Amino acid sequence: MGQLAVPPECHDDAMNSTSPEAVRNEATDWFERHWDPELPLGRWWQLLADSGWAFPSWPEGFGGRALPAVAARAAIQARRHIGAFGPPNGVATFLAAPTIMRYGSQAQQNRYIPRIVNGQDIWCQLFSEPGAGSDMAGLATRATRDGDEWVITGQKVWNSGAQWAKYGILIARTDPEQPKHRGISYFLIDMEQDAVDVRPLREMTGDAAFNEVFLNDARVADSDRLGDLGDGWRVAMTTLSHERDPDNPGMGDTAAFGSVDLTMTVKDHTAALGSKIDGFSLALSGGVTKVLEDVTDQFNALNDPIVRQRMAKIVEMRRNAKWSGMRTAATVKSGGQPGPEISTLKLLGSEMGRQIRDLGLDAMGPHGMLYGEDAPGGGLFHAYSMFTPAQSIAGGTDEVQRNIMGERVHGLPREPGEKEQRELPWSELPRS
């Protein structure tokens, strides 16, 4: 496991205090002096990275200032108050970067994280397979050693943004003679090589946020293996703990999960984002909360005490998810492996999605039956509503998460033979 390198300090003035008020004042001053919507997007993101205000809780030199969580949130609030556009958002920032910072070598951190922070590189996640979704440890994608490289063969599916990605985070089986959870390794793979075939999956909305990816003897250098050989399951669980954390600092509010033109002005880029109705990006960015507030205001729904009660329930669910995320983060930082609490996070996330959807549509009344440009707000909330059922499936189905909690929290019996199968070599497991 590598130790995070700390490059020379990049921001304007060293802070004398990390109190939320001091940080808010310093951040406000910086954004008032530097924010300009006429700047090219790439230039603005580089300014954010160099200043440390991109992701304030991240290490210095990697887009952050190593601020405590409360102080970092104060900095983000200052940016939003000024109205400044946020940093890049997507798999690169809320999954790849935190995992590389936790397990990557100094060379890996220096190579990949700066280009994530300034928006140069888009990443995707290559975990799920046609026969290994909720039971991700049953994956069949193979990585075979060939000198200083690994040859990857297999198929992945439900890969968000893979059609635009330069790199991917990938888990593959490196030792089929080990039990299924212990023969897996974690890799950083170049998605632009000829041996990687990306095929978008068209949704009923017409969008293609997801893909299937075929790996036909794709190559990965051993220096791009993340973590120890055979320890990929533990590394992947760390990645998933970030995915299920609603307060993940890398999950920004810019909803930019696809390909972007870094030469475009921030103003024009923002306008382009506003014209694209994408429920997937809205869900993952956390921006649906603001959209829900706009819907309830537009239809004066908060005058109804029942609506206020439902809104309060959503707020409390998010707070509970935040606390569970903090507990998981503390476990990872202390060198442990996330436990069943990440199943709680997953269930809370999908349930919050349903509660938000139902409340917003109910608040609209008959207008909730409209779709597209005829719907209130140009159909943005409706696009989110169409995506909501996917949240119950993505990242492990709700049913699987309930099974995990029943067995590991409540002590209910496991499926017959499951314990024995967990100790069998993967090569000897029965195939359906």
Protein backbone atom coordinates (compact mmCIF):
# COMPACT_ATOMS: atom_id res chain seq x y z
CA MET A 1 0.00 0.00 0.00
CA GLY A 2 1.40 3.33 -1.01
CA GLN A 3 1.58 6.44 1.09
CA LEU A 4 0.00 9.53 -0.36
CA ALA A 5 2.58 11.94 -1.70
CA VAL A 6 2.20 15.55 -0.59
CA PRO A 7 3.48 17.90 -3.32
CA PRO A 8 4.47 21.48 -2.48
CA GLU A 9 1.71 23.76 -1.29
CA CYS A 10 -0.22 25.29 -4.16
CA HIS A 11 -2.76 27.69 -2.69
CA ASP A 12 -2.34 31.42 -2.28
CA ASP A 13 -1.87 31.80 1.48
CA ALA A 14 -1.45 29.28 4.23
CA MET A 15 -4.50 29.23 6.52
CA ASN A 16 -4.03 30.21 10.12
CA SER A 17 -7.18 28.37 11.11
CA THR A 18 -9.32 25.55 9.83
CA SER A 19 -12.45 26.69 11.64
CA PRO A 20 -15.52 26.70 9.39
CA GLU A 21 -15.86 30.47 9.67
CA ALA A 22 -12.21 31.13 8.77
CA VAL A 23 -12.40 28.72 5.84
CA ARG A 24 -15.68 30.22 4.62
CA ASN A 25 -14.18 33.71 4.66
CA GLU A 26 -11.02 32.67 2.83
CA ALA A 27 -12.95 30.67 0.24
CA THR A 28 -15.41 33.51 -0.32
CA ASP A 29 -12.55 35.93 -0.88
CA TRP A 30 -10.86 33.60 -3.36
CA PHE A 31 -14.02 32.92 -5.38
CA GLU A 32 -14.94 36.60 -5.49
CA ARG A 33 -11.53 37.35 -6.98
CA HIS A 34 -11.26 34.45 -9.43
CA TRP A 35 -14.73 33.31 -10.51
CA ASP A 36 -15.44 34.22 -14.12
CA PRO A 37 -18.06 32.34 -16.19
CA GLU A 38 -16.31 33.51 -19.36
CA LEU A 39 -13.24 31.40 -18.57
CA PRO A 40 -12.68 28.20 -20.58
CA LEU A 41 -13.92 25.23 -18.57
CA GLY A 42 -10.49 23.57 -18.52
CA ARG A 43 -8.86 26.77 -17.28
CA TRP A 44 -11.41 27.17 -14.49
CA TRP A 45 -11.03 23.57 -13.34
CA GLN A 46 -7.24 23.97 -13.30
CA LEU A 47 -7.58 27.13 -11.18
CA LEU A 48 -9.76 25.21 -8.73
CA ALA A 49 -7.24 22.36 -8.60
CA ASP A 50 -4.23 24.63 -8.08
CA SER A 51 -5.97 26.65 -5.36
CA GLY A 52 -7.10 23.61 -3.38
CA TRP A 53 -10.75 24.65 -3.53
CA ALA A 54 -11.75 21.89 -5.98
CA PHE A 55 -12.13 19.20 -3.30
CA PRO A 56 -11.17 20.94 -0.02
CA SER A 57 -10.99 17.76 2.08
CA TRP A 58 -8.53 16.07 -0.29
CA PRO A 59 -4.74 16.32 0.24
CA GLU A 60 -2.84 19.45 -0.75
CA GLY A 61 -1.54 19.26 -4.29
CA PHE A 62 -4.35 16.96 -5.33
CA GLY A 63 -7.08 19.56 -5.61
CA GLY A 64 -7.57 19.92 -1.88
CA ARG A 65 -6.38 21.53 1.34
CA ALA A 66 -6.64 18.55 3.70
CA LEU A 67 -9.47 20.29 5.56
CA PRO A 68 -11.68 18.55 8.12
CA ALA A 69 -15.12 17.60 6.83
CA VAL A 70 -16.97 20.49 8.53
CA ALA A 71 -14.51 23.08 7.24
CA ALA A 72 -14.58 21.55 3.75
CA ARG A 73 -18.36 21.84 3.65
CA ALA A 74 -18.05 25.51 4.63
CA ALA A 75 -15.77 26.06 1.62
CA ILE A 76 -18.23 24.33 -0.71
CA GLN A 77 -21.08 26.44 0.69
CA ALA A 78 -19.03 29.58 0.01
CA ARG A 79 -18.52 28.51 -3.62
CA ARG A 80 -22.22 27.85 -4.09
CA HIS A 81 -23.14 31.17 -2.46
CA ILE A 82 -20.94 33.01 -4.96
CA GLY A 83 -22.54 30.97 -7.76
CA ALA A 84 -19.24 29.55 -9.02
CA PHE A 85 -19.25 26.38 -11.10
CA GLY A 86 -18.01 23.30 -9.28
CA PRO A 87 -15.17 20.85 -10.03
CA PRO A 88 -15.42 17.81 -12.33
CA ASN A 89 -17.87 15.12 -11.31
CA GLY A 90 -18.23 11.47 -12.16
CA VAL A 91 -16.74 8.03 -11.55
CA ALA A 92 -13.26 9.58 -11.69
CA THR A 93 -13.83 11.89 -8.73
CA PHE A 94 -16.11 9.96 -6.40
CA LEU A 95 -14.83 6.40 -6.99
CA ALA A 96 -11.45 6.20 -8.73
CA ALA A 97 -9.62 9.06 -7.00
CA PRO A 98 -10.54 8.13 -3.38
CA THR A 99 -9.55 4.51 -4.01
CA ILE A 100 -6.24 5.49 -5.61
CA MET A 101 -5.55 7.84 -2.70
CA ARG A 102 -6.19 4.97 -0.28
CA TYR A 103 -4.31 2.14 -2.01
CA GLY A 104 -2.23 3.67 -4.79
CA SER A 105 1.53 3.99 -4.92
CA GLN A 106 3.06 7.43 -5.03
CA ALA A 107 3.66 6.98 -8.76
CA GLN A 108 0.01 6.03 -9.35
CA GLN A 109 -1.26 8.99 -7.34
CA ASN A 110 0.99 11.46 -9.13
CA ARG A 111 0.07 10.06 -12.54
CA TYR A 112 -3.70 9.82 -12.25
CA ILE A 113 -5.13 12.15 -9.62
CA PRO A 114 -4.04 15.56 -11.04
CA ARG A 115 -5.69 14.75 -14.39
CA ILE A 116 -8.85 13.67 -12.57
CA VAL A 117 -9.02 16.87 -10.56
CA ASN A 118 -8.64 19.15 -13.58
CA GLY A 119 -11.15 17.19 -15.67
CA GLN A 120 -8.68 15.94 -18.29
CA ASP A 121 -9.53 12.24 -17.85
CA ILE A 122 -12.90 10.50 -17.61
CA TRP A 123 -13.08 7.13 -15.82
CA CYS A 124 -15.55 4.27 -15.65
CA GLN A 125 -16.18 1.35 -13.30
CA LEU A 126 -15.78 -2.24 -14.57
CA PHE A 127 -17.13 -4.44 -11.79
CA SER A 128 -20.47 -6.07 -12.73
CA GLU A 129 -20.76 -8.91 -15.22
CA PRO A 130 -23.71 -10.67 -16.88
CA GLY A 131 -23.34 -13.52 -14.37
CA ALA A 132 -21.93 -11.55 -11.46
CA GLY A 133 -23.94 -8.50 -10.46
CA SER A 134 -25.27 -8.73 -6.96
CA ASP A 135 -22.88 -11.64 -6.33
CA MET A 136 -19.95 -9.64 -7.62
CA ALA A 137 -17.37 -12.07 -6.19
CA GLY A 138 -18.58 -14.65 -8.71
CA LEU A 139 -16.96 -12.69 -11.56
CA ALA A 140 -15.43 -14.67 -14.41
CA THR A 141 -13.23 -12.06 -16.10
CA ARG A 142 -9.68 -13.44 -16.06
CA ALA A 143 -6.33 -11.70 -15.73
CA THR A 144 -3.35 -13.84 -16.73
CA ARG A 145 0.23 -12.77 -16.02
CA ASP A 146 2.48 -12.20 -19.05
CA GLY A 147 5.82 -10.83 -17.88
CA ASP A 148 5.31 -7.31 -16.57
CA GLU A 149 1.75 -7.20 -17.91
CA TRP A 150 -1.62 -8.82 -17.33
CA VAL A 151 -3.84 -10.07 -20.17
CA ILE A 152 -7.52 -9.40 -19.39
CA THR A 153 -10.33 -11.44 -20.98
CA GLY A 154 -14.01 -11.19 -20.13
CA GLN A 155 -17.18 -9.10 -20.26
CA LYS A 156 -18.45 -6.31 -18.01
CA VAL A 157 -21.88 -4.68 -18.04
CA TRP A 158 -23.81 -1.66 -16.66
CA ASN A 159 -20.67 0.47 -16.99
CA SER A 160 -21.62 4.13 -16.59
CA GLY A 161 -19.91 6.48 -19.02
CA ALA A 162 -17.59 3.82 -20.48
CA GLN A 163 -18.15 5.20 -24.00
CA TRP A 164 -16.29 8.39 -22.98
CA ALA A 165 -13.78 6.97 -20.52
CA LYS A 166 -10.02 7.07 -20.92
CA TYR A 167 -9.43 4.77 -17.94
CA GLY A 168 -11.40 2.23 -15.95
CA ILE A 169 -11.22 0.69 -12.49
CA LEU A 170 -11.42 -3.06 -13.04
CA ILE A 171 -11.56 -6.21 -10.92
CA ALA A 172 -10.57 -9.54 -12.45
CA ARG A 173 -9.81 -13.05 -11.28
CA THR A 174 -6.07 -13.65 -11.05
CA ASP A 175 -6.14 -16.99 -9.20
CA PRO A 176 -9.08 -19.33 -9.94
CA GLU A 177 -7.73 -21.86 -7.43
CA GLN A 178 -8.47 -19.51 -4.55
CA PRO A 179 -11.95 -19.08 -3.03
CA LYS A 180 -13.95 -16.59 -5.01
CA HIS A 181 -13.41 -13.64 -2.64
CA ARG A 182 -9.63 -14.18 -2.37
CA GLY A 183 -8.49 -14.72 -5.98
CA ILE A 184 -9.43 -11.26 -7.28
CA SER A 185 -7.13 -8.32 -8.08
CA TYR A 186 -7.84 -4.66 -8.83
CA PHE A 187 -6.48 -2.87 -11.92
CA LEU A 188 -6.40 0.55 -13.58
CA ILE A 189 -7.00 -0.14 -17.27
CA ASP A 190 -6.53 1.97 -20.42
CA MET A 191 -9.95 2.05 -22.11
CA GLU A 192 -8.62 3.42 -25.41
CA GLN A 193 -6.71 0.29 -26.46
CA ASP A 194 -8.06 -1.73 -29.40
CA ALA A 195 -8.72 -4.79 -27.24
CA VAL A 196 -11.48 -2.94 -25.33
CA ASP A 197 -14.86 -2.95 -27.09
CA VAL A 198 -17.50 -0.59 -25.59
CA ARG A 199 -21.15 -0.99 -26.65
CA PRO A 200 -23.70 1.53 -25.27
CA LEU A 201 -27.03 0.19 -23.96
CA ARG A 202 -30.01 2.27 -25.06
CA GLU A 203 -32.61 2.92 -22.33
CA MET A 204 -36.35 3.40 -22.78
CA THR A 205 -35.82 7.16 -22.30
CA GLY A 206 -33.53 7.22 -25.31
CA ASP A 207 -30.42 7.86 -23.19
CA ALA A 208 -27.41 5.56 -23.15
CA ALA A 209 -25.78 6.13 -19.76
CA PHE A 210 -24.75 2.47 -19.41
CA ASN A 211 -22.64 0.15 -21.51
CA GLU A 212 -21.39 -3.37 -21.90
CA VAL A 213 -17.64 -3.76 -22.28
CA PHE A 214 -15.85 -6.68 -23.94
CA LEU A 215 -12.19 -7.29 -23.02
CA ASN A 216 -10.44 -9.29 -25.72
CA ASP A 217 -6.90 -9.89 -24.42
CA ALA A 218 -6.66 -6.33 -23.16
CA ARG A 219 -3.36 -5.49 -21.48
CA VAL A 220 -2.59 -3.83 -18.17
CA ALA A 221 0.88 -3.22 -16.76
CA ASP A 222 1.52 -4.77 -13.36
CA SER A 223 2.45 -1.26 -12.21
CA ASP A 224 -1.23 -0.41 -12.77
CA ARG A 225 -2.42 -3.03 -10.32
CA LEU A 226 -3.95 -1.31 -7.27
CA GLY A 227 -3.29 -2.96 -3.94
CA ASP A 228 -1.77 -6.37 -3.31
CA LEU A 229 -2.20 -9.33 -5.65
CA GLY A 230 -5.36 -11.22 -4.68
CA ASP A 231 -6.57 -8.39 -2.46
CA GLY A 232 -8.91 -6.89 -5.04
CA TRP A 233 -12.08 -7.72 -3.14
CA ARG A 234 -11.05 -5.55 -0.18
CA VAL A 235 -10.05 -2.70 -2.50
CA ALA A 236 -13.36 -3.01 -4.36
CA MET A 237 -15.31 -2.84 -1.09
CA THR A 238 -13.55 0.43 -0.36
CA THR A 239 -14.65 1.72 -3.76
CA LEU A 240 -18.25 0.67 -3.09
CA SER A 241 -18.21 2.38 0.31
CA HIS A 242 -17.49 5.65 -1.52
CA GLU A 243 -20.21 4.93 -4.08
CA ARG A 244 -22.82 4.57 -1.35
CA ASP A 245 -21.77 7.60 0.66
CA PRO A 246 -24.21 10.49 -0.09
CA ASP A 247 -21.64 12.98 1.29
CA ASN A 248 -18.71 11.68 -0.74
CA PRO A 249 -16.64 14.85 -1.33
CA GLY A 250 -15.90 13.71 -4.90
CA MET A 251 -19.59 13.60 -5.77
CA GLY A 252 -19.96 17.18 -6.88
CA ASP A 253 -22.92 19.20 -8.05
CA THR A 254 -21.98 19.79 -11.68
CA ALA A 255 -23.64 16.68 -13.12
CA ALA A 256 -20.88 16.34 -15.73
CA PHE A 257 -20.63 12.59 -16.17
CA GLY A 258 -20.07 12.51 -19.91
CA SER A 259 -17.62 13.91 -22.38
CA VAL A 260 -16.99 17.65 -22.05
CA ASP A 261 -15.33 20.29 -24.21
CA LEU A 262 -12.70 21.90 -21.99
CA THR A 263 -12.27 24.80 -24.44
CA MET A 264 -15.90 25.85 -24.05
CA THR A 265 -16.58 28.72 -21.65
CA VAL A 266 -18.04 27.77 -18.29
CA LYS A 267 -21.15 29.79 -19.13
CA ASP A 268 -21.73 27.89 -22.38
CA HIS A 269 -20.98 24.56 -20.71
CA THR A 270 -23.52 25.30 -17.98
CA ALA A 271 -26.12 26.20 -20.58
CA ALA A 272 -25.44 22.93 -22.41
CA LEU A 273 -25.87 20.96 -19.17
CA GLY A 274 -29.15 22.71 -18.48
CA SER A 275 -30.50 21.75 -21.90
CA LYS A 276 -29.74 18.04 -21.42
CA ILE A 277 -32.28 16.17 -19.34
CA ASP A 278 -30.44 13.25 -17.76
CA GLY A 279 -31.97 11.46 -14.77
CA PHE A 280 -28.85 9.37 -14.23
CA SER A 281 -26.54 12.35 -13.80
CA LEU A 282 -29.08 14.14 -11.63
CA ALA A 283 -29.38 11.13 -9.32
CA LEU A 284 -25.65 10.62 -8.91
CA SER A 285 -24.82 14.31 -8.48
CA GLY A 286 -27.30 14.75 -5.66
CA GLY A 287 -28.86 17.68 -7.51
CA VAL A 288 -32.35 16.17 -7.33
CA THR A 289 -32.84 17.62 -3.84
CA LYS A 290 -32.81 21.16 -5.27
CA VAL A 291 -35.13 20.08 -8.10
CA LEU A 292 -37.56 18.63 -5.54
CA GLU A 293 -37.53 21.93 -3.63
CA ASP A 294 -38.31 23.79 -6.86
CA VAL A 295 -41.23 21.44 -7.60
CA THR A 296 -42.78 21.79 -4.14
CA ASP A 297 -42.39 25.59 -4.30
CA GLN A 298 -43.90 25.81 -7.79
CA PHE A 299 -47.05 23.95 -6.72
CA ASN A 300 -47.20 25.44 -3.19
CA ALA A 301 -47.08 21.90 -1.84
CA LEU A 302 -45.32 22.82 1.42
CA ASN A 303 -48.56 24.41 2.62
CA ASP A 304 -49.74 20.83 3.19
CA PRO A 305 -48.57 19.46 6.58
CA ILE A 306 -48.44 15.93 5.16
CA VAL A 307 -46.02 17.09 2.44
CA ARG A 308 -43.86 18.79 5.08
CA GLN A 309 -43.83 15.57 7.08
CA ARG A 310 -42.74 13.58 4.03
CA MET A 311 -40.03 16.14 3.29
CA ALA A 312 -38.79 15.85 6.89
CA LYS A 313 -38.60 12.07 6.50
CA ILE A 314 -36.35 12.45 3.44
CA VAL A 315 -34.10 14.86 5.36
CA GLU A 316 -33.79 12.37 8.24
CA MET A 317 -33.02 9.50 5.86
CA ARG A 318 -30.23 11.53 4.31
CA ARG A 319 -28.88 12.34 7.76
CA ASN A 320 -28.87 8.66 8.71
CA ALA A 321 -27.10 7.83 5.45
CA LYS A 322 -24.50 10.50 6.24
CA TRP A 323 -23.81 8.99 9.66
CA SER A 324 -23.51 5.50 8.21
CA GLY A 325 -21.13 6.87 5.59
CA MET A 326 -18.99 8.49 8.29
CA ARG A 327 -18.81 5.19 10.17
CA THR A 328 -17.73 3.36 7.03
CA ALA A 329 -15.13 6.01 6.23
CA ALA A 330 -13.70 5.72 9.74
CA THR A 331 -13.41 1.95 9.33
CA VAL A 332 -11.55 2.29 6.03
CA LYS A 333 -9.21 5.00 7.36
CA SER A 334 -8.25 2.75 10.28
CA GLY A 335 -7.27 -0.04 7.88
CA GLY A 336 -10.43 -2.11 8.27
CA GLN A 337 -12.86 -3.44 5.68
CA PRO A 338 -16.40 -2.07 5.32
CA GLY A 339 -19.03 -4.32 6.83
CA PRO A 340 -22.80 -4.66 6.45
CA GLU A 341 -23.23 -0.92 7.04
CA ILE A 342 -22.60 -0.33 3.33
CA SER A 343 -25.71 -2.44 2.66
CA THR A 344 -27.59 0.02 4.88
CA LEU A 345 -26.25 2.87 2.76
CA LYS A 346 -27.38 1.17 -0.43
CA LEU A 347 -30.89 0.54 0.91
CA LEU A 348 -31.20 4.08 2.21
CA GLY A 349 -30.09 5.47 -1.13
CA SER A 350 -32.62 3.55 -3.20
CA GLU A 351 -35.43 4.20 -0.70
CA MET A 352 -34.65 7.94 -0.67
CA GLY A 353 -34.87 7.89 -4.46
CA ARG A 354 -38.35 6.39 -4.33
CA GLN A 355 -39.51 8.79 -1.61
CA ILE A 356 -38.23 11.80 -3.56
CA ARG A 357 -39.87 10.57 -6.77
CA ASP A 358 -43.24 9.92 -5.14
CA LEU A 359 -43.29 13.21 -3.25
CA GLY A 360 -42.41 15.27 -6.32
CA LEU A 361 -44.98 13.58 -8.57
CA ASP A 362 -47.67 13.83 -5.89
CA ALA A 363 -46.91 17.54 -5.42
CA MET A 364 -47.48 18.13 -9.15
CA GLY A 365 -50.88 16.47 -9.13
CA PRO A 366 -52.17 15.92 -12.70
CA HIS A 367 -49.04 17.65 -14.07
CA GLY A 368 -47.07 14.66 -12.82
CA MET A 369 -48.47 12.60 -15.70
CA LEU A 370 -46.75 14.80 -18.29
CA TYR A 371 -43.34 14.01 -19.75
CA GLY A 372 -40.61 15.78 -21.69
CA GLU A 373 -40.81 19.47 -22.50
CA ASP A 374 -44.52 19.58 -21.58
CA ALA A 375 -43.75 18.60 -17.98
CA PRO A 376 -43.02 21.20 -15.27
CA GLY A 377 -39.43 22.40 -15.32
CA GLY A 378 -38.92 21.02 -18.81
CA GLY A 379 -39.19 17.43 -17.58
CA LEU A 380 -36.05 17.33 -15.44
CA PHE A 381 -37.77 15.81 -12.42
CA HIS A 382 -39.61 13.34 -14.63
CA ALA A 383 -36.32 12.20 -16.15
CA TYR A 384 -35.11 11.48 -12.62
CA SER A 385 -38.32 9.61 -11.88
CA MET A 386 -37.80 7.37 -14.89
CA PHE A 387 -34.31 6.52 -13.64
CA THR A 388 -35.37 5.83 -10.05
CA PRO A 389 -36.15 2.07 -10.44
CA ALA A 390 -32.55 1.51 -11.54
CA GLN A 391 -31.34 2.62 -8.10
CA SER A 392 -32.91 -0.50 -6.58
CA ILE A 393 -30.78 -2.67 -8.87
CA ALA A 394 -27.49 -0.82 -9.30
CA GLY A 395 -24.68 -1.61 -6.89
CA GLY A 396 -26.34 -4.82 -5.69
CA THR A 397 -30.11 -5.25 -5.58
CA ASP A 398 -32.13 -4.18 -2.56
CA GLU A 399 -33.07 -7.83 -1.99
CA VAL A 400 -29.43 -8.87 -1.78
CA GLN A 401 -28.67 -6.03 0.66
CA ARG A 402 -31.53 -7.16 2.89
CA ASN A 403 -30.16 -10.71 2.85
CA ILE A 404 -26.75 -9.42 3.91
CA MET A 405 -28.24 -7.41 6.78
CA GLY A 406 -30.43 -10.32 7.85
CA GLU A 407 -27.49 -12.71 8.00
CA ARG A 408 -24.74 -10.44 9.32
CA VAL A 409 -26.70 -8.08 11.57
CA HIS A 410 -29.74 -10.05 12.72
CA GLY A 411 -28.07 -13.47 12.76
CA LEU A 412 -30.51 -15.18 10.41
CA PRO A 413 -29.27 -18.44 8.84
CA ARG A 414 -27.36 -18.29 5.57
CA GLU A 415 -28.41 -20.11 2.46
CA PRO A 416 -27.70 -23.89 2.72
CA GLY A 417 -24.17 -24.69 1.63
CA GLU A 418 -23.15 -21.03 1.31
CA LYS A 419 -20.44 -21.26 3.98
CA GLU A 420 -18.91 -24.32 2.35
CA GLN A 421 -18.99 -22.68 -1.09
CA ARG A 422 -17.15 -19.60 0.19
CA GLU A 423 -14.16 -21.81 1.01
CA LEU A 424 -14.14 -23.77 -2.25
CA PRO A 425 -11.72 -22.76 -5.02
CA TRP A 426 -13.56 -20.68 -7.60
CA SER A 427 -12.67 -23.23 -10.29
CA GLU A 428 -14.64 -25.91 -8.39
CA LEU A 429 -17.82 -23.92 -7.83
CA PRO A 430 -20.90 -25.24 -9.65
CA ARG A 431 -21.89 -23.29 -12.75
CA SER A 432 -25.56 -22.72 -13.46
